[in-house]
C-alpha atoms as a PDB file:
ATOM      1  CA  MET A   1      44.682  38.899  -5.441  1.00  0.00           C
ATOM      2  CA  LYS A   2      44.887  35.173  -4.792  1.00  0.00           C
ATOM      3  CA  ILE A   3      43.906  33.063  -1.825  1.00  0.00           C
ATOM      4  CA  THR A   4      46.900  31.643   0.020  1.00  0.00           C
ATOM      5  CA  GLY A   5      45.010  29.568   2.594  1.00  0.00           C
ATOM      6  CA  THR A   6      42.017  29.073   4.845  1.00  0.00           C
ATOM      7  CA  LEU A   7      41.526  28.068   8.464  1.00  0.00           C
ATOM      8  CA  ARG A   8      38.480  27.023  10.490  1.00  0.00           C
ATOM      9  CA  ASN A   9      37.832  28.193  14.035  1.00  0.00           C
ATOM     10  CA  THR A  10      35.008  26.766  16.146  1.00  0.00           C
ATOM     11  CA  ALA A  11      35.535  28.681  19.408  1.00  0.00           C
ATOM     12  CA  PHE A  12      32.600  29.999  21.450  1.00  0.00           C
ATOM     13  CA  ASN A  13      30.071  27.837  19.564  1.00  0.00           C
ATOM     14  CA  LYS A  14      30.639  29.783  16.341  1.00  0.00           C
ATOM     15  CA  GLU A  15      32.095  28.491  13.119  1.00  0.00           C
ATOM     16  CA  ILE A  16      34.374  31.104  11.586  1.00  0.00           C
ATOM     17  CA  PHE A  17      36.585  30.641   8.537  1.00  0.00           C
ATOM     18  CA  HIS A  18      39.683  32.777   7.996  1.00  0.00           C
ATOM     19  CA  VAL A  19      40.543  33.330   4.320  1.00  0.00           C
ATOM     20  CA  HIS A  20      44.078  34.648   3.700  1.00  0.00           C
ATOM     21  CA  PHE A  21      44.973  36.589   0.537  1.00  0.00           C
ATOM     22  CA  ASP A  22      48.398  37.191  -1.004  1.00  0.00           C
ATOM     23  CA  ASP A  23      48.062  40.983  -0.589  1.00  0.00           C
ATOM     24  CA  GLY A  24      48.186  40.695   3.208  1.00  0.00           C
ATOM     25  CA  MET A  25      44.457  40.779   3.904  1.00  0.00           C
ATOM     26  CA  THR A  26      42.504  38.165   5.880  1.00  0.00           C
ATOM     27  CA  ILE A  27      38.719  38.010   5.787  1.00  0.00           C
ATOM     28  CA  ASN A  28      36.794  36.261   8.538  1.00  0.00           C
ATOM     29  CA  ILE A  29      33.597  34.620   7.316  1.00  0.00           C
ATOM     30  CA  ARG A  30      31.051  33.283   9.804  1.00  0.00           C
ATOM     31  CA  ARG A  31      28.780  30.366   8.918  1.00  0.00           C
ATOM     32  CA  SER A  32      25.219  30.442  10.181  1.00  0.00           C
ATOM     33  CA  GLY A  33      23.412  27.310   9.011  1.00  0.00           C
ATOM     34  CA  GLN A  34      24.021  27.207   5.273  1.00  0.00           C
ATOM     35  CA  GLN A  35      24.715  30.948   4.962  1.00  0.00           C
ATOM     36  CA  PHE A  36      28.152  32.536   4.934  1.00  0.00           C
ATOM     37  CA  ILE A  37      28.285  36.021   6.453  1.00  0.00           C
ATOM     38  CA  TYR A  38      31.124  38.548   6.353  1.00  0.00           C
ATOM     39  CA  ASP A  39      32.420  38.959   9.912  1.00  0.00           C
ATOM     40  CA  ASN A  40      35.490  41.225   9.790  1.00  0.00           C
ATOM     41  CA  MET A  41      38.827  41.838   8.120  1.00  0.00           C
ATOM     42  CA  VAL A  42      42.447  41.900   9.296  1.00  0.00           C
ATOM     43  CA  SER A  43      45.537  43.436   7.703  1.00  0.00           C
ATOM     44  CA  LYS A  44      48.800  41.561   8.169  1.00  0.00           C
ATOM     45  CA  GLY A  45      52.306  42.230   6.981  1.00  0.00           C
ATOM     46  CA  LEU A  46      54.241  45.368   6.082  1.00  0.00           C
ATOM     47  CA  ASP A  47      53.128  45.499   2.456  1.00  0.00           C
ATOM     48  CA  SER A  48      49.433  44.731   2.887  1.00  0.00           C
ATOM     49  CA  TYR A  49      46.666  46.267   0.773  1.00  0.00           C
ATOM     50  CA  PHE A  50      45.599  48.414   3.736  1.00  0.00           C
ATOM     51  CA  LEU A  51      49.056  49.908   4.308  1.00  0.00           C
ATOM     52  CA  LYS A  52      49.697  50.531   0.589  1.00  0.00           C
ATOM     53  CA  LYS A  53      46.324  52.116  -0.229  1.00  0.00           C
ATOM     54  CA  GLY A  54      45.452  53.519   3.186  1.00  0.00           C
ATOM     55  CA  LYS A  55      41.944  52.056   3.114  1.00  0.00           C
ATOM     56  CA  TRP A  56      40.109  48.766   3.608  1.00  0.00           C
ATOM     57  CA  PRO A  57      38.834  46.829   0.591  1.00  0.00           C
ATOM     58  CA  LYS A  58      35.155  47.577   0.013  1.00  0.00           C
ATOM     59  CA  GLY A  59      32.534  47.490  -2.701  1.00  0.00           C
ATOM     60  CA  LYS A  60      33.328  45.196  -5.625  1.00  0.00           C
ATOM     61  CA  ASN A  61      36.761  44.346  -4.230  1.00  0.00           C
ATOM     62  CA  LEU A  62      35.205  43.052  -1.004  1.00  0.00           C
ATOM     63  CA  GLU A  63      32.436  41.241  -2.914  1.00  0.00           C
ATOM     64  CA  LYS A  64      35.010  39.460  -5.068  1.00  0.00           C
ATOM     65  CA  ARG A  65      37.004  38.414  -1.999  1.00  0.00           C
ATOM     66  CA  MET A  66      33.833  37.069  -0.374  1.00  0.00           C
ATOM     67  CA  GLU A  67      32.833  35.125  -3.515  1.00  0.00           C
ATOM     68  CA  MET A  68      36.298  33.597  -3.849  1.00  0.00           C
ATOM     69  CA  GLY A  69      36.464  32.777  -0.136  1.00  0.00           C
ATOM     70  CA  VAL A  70      33.002  31.210   0.079  1.00  0.00           C
ATOM     71  CA  ALA A  71      33.641  29.124  -3.056  1.00  0.00           C
ATOM     72  CA  LEU A  72      36.875  27.743  -1.582  1.00  0.00           C
ATOM     73  CA  ILE A  73      35.282  27.124   1.821  1.00  0.00           C
ATOM     74  CA  LYS A  74      32.409  25.181   0.251  1.00  0.00           C
ATOM     75  CA  LYS A  75      34.868  23.126  -1.804  1.00  0.00           C
ATOM     76  CA  ASN A  76      36.974  22.377   1.273  1.00  0.00           C
ATOM     77  CA  ILE A  77      33.915  21.434   3.346  1.00  0.00           C
ATOM     78  CA  LYS A  78      32.832  19.035   0.603  1.00  0.00           C
ATOM     79  CA  ASN A  79      36.299  17.441   0.610  1.00  0.00           C
ATOM     80  CA  ASN A  80      36.432  17.227   4.456  1.00  0.00           C
ATOM     81  CA  ARG A  81      39.376  19.628   4.578  1.00  0.00           C
ATOM     82  CA  TYR A  82      38.246  21.117   7.904  1.00  0.00           C
ATOM     83  CA  ARG A  83      37.752  17.832   9.756  1.00  0.00           C
ATOM     84  CA  THR A  84      39.088  17.942  13.313  1.00  0.00           C
ATOM     85  CA  LYS A  85      40.138  15.270  15.785  1.00  0.00           C
ATOM     86  CA  LYS A  86      36.930  15.875  17.759  1.00  0.00           C
ATOM     87  CA  ASP A  87      34.837  15.285  14.576  1.00  0.00           C
ATOM     88  CA  LYS A  88      36.632  11.975  13.984  1.00  0.00           C
ATOM     89  CA  GLU A  89      35.988  10.810  17.566  1.00  0.00           C
ATOM     90  CA  ASN A  90      32.258  11.534  17.236  1.00  0.00           C
ATOM     91  CA  GLU A  91      32.047   9.312  14.139  1.00  0.00           C
ATOM     92  CA  SER A  92      33.418   6.281  16.003  1.00  0.00           C
END
């Protein structure tokens, strides 16, 4: 289980990060202030974890995914990875 990428979505005045894993699972993590909260999960692809095992990741598996995702999100925020055109215009 490795992270293949992350995206940031700021629609509807919420900040949600999508963390994609190599086993076909995507976890959506919502940021509220400085806290990161699990929002929901999506299965994608024909050989995803959900389709192979017939169940959603939970327990320690879900905790590990959250820890990995939050660590990468924090690193990317620190490095301005999620900067948008609108953010750049506000700085000027």
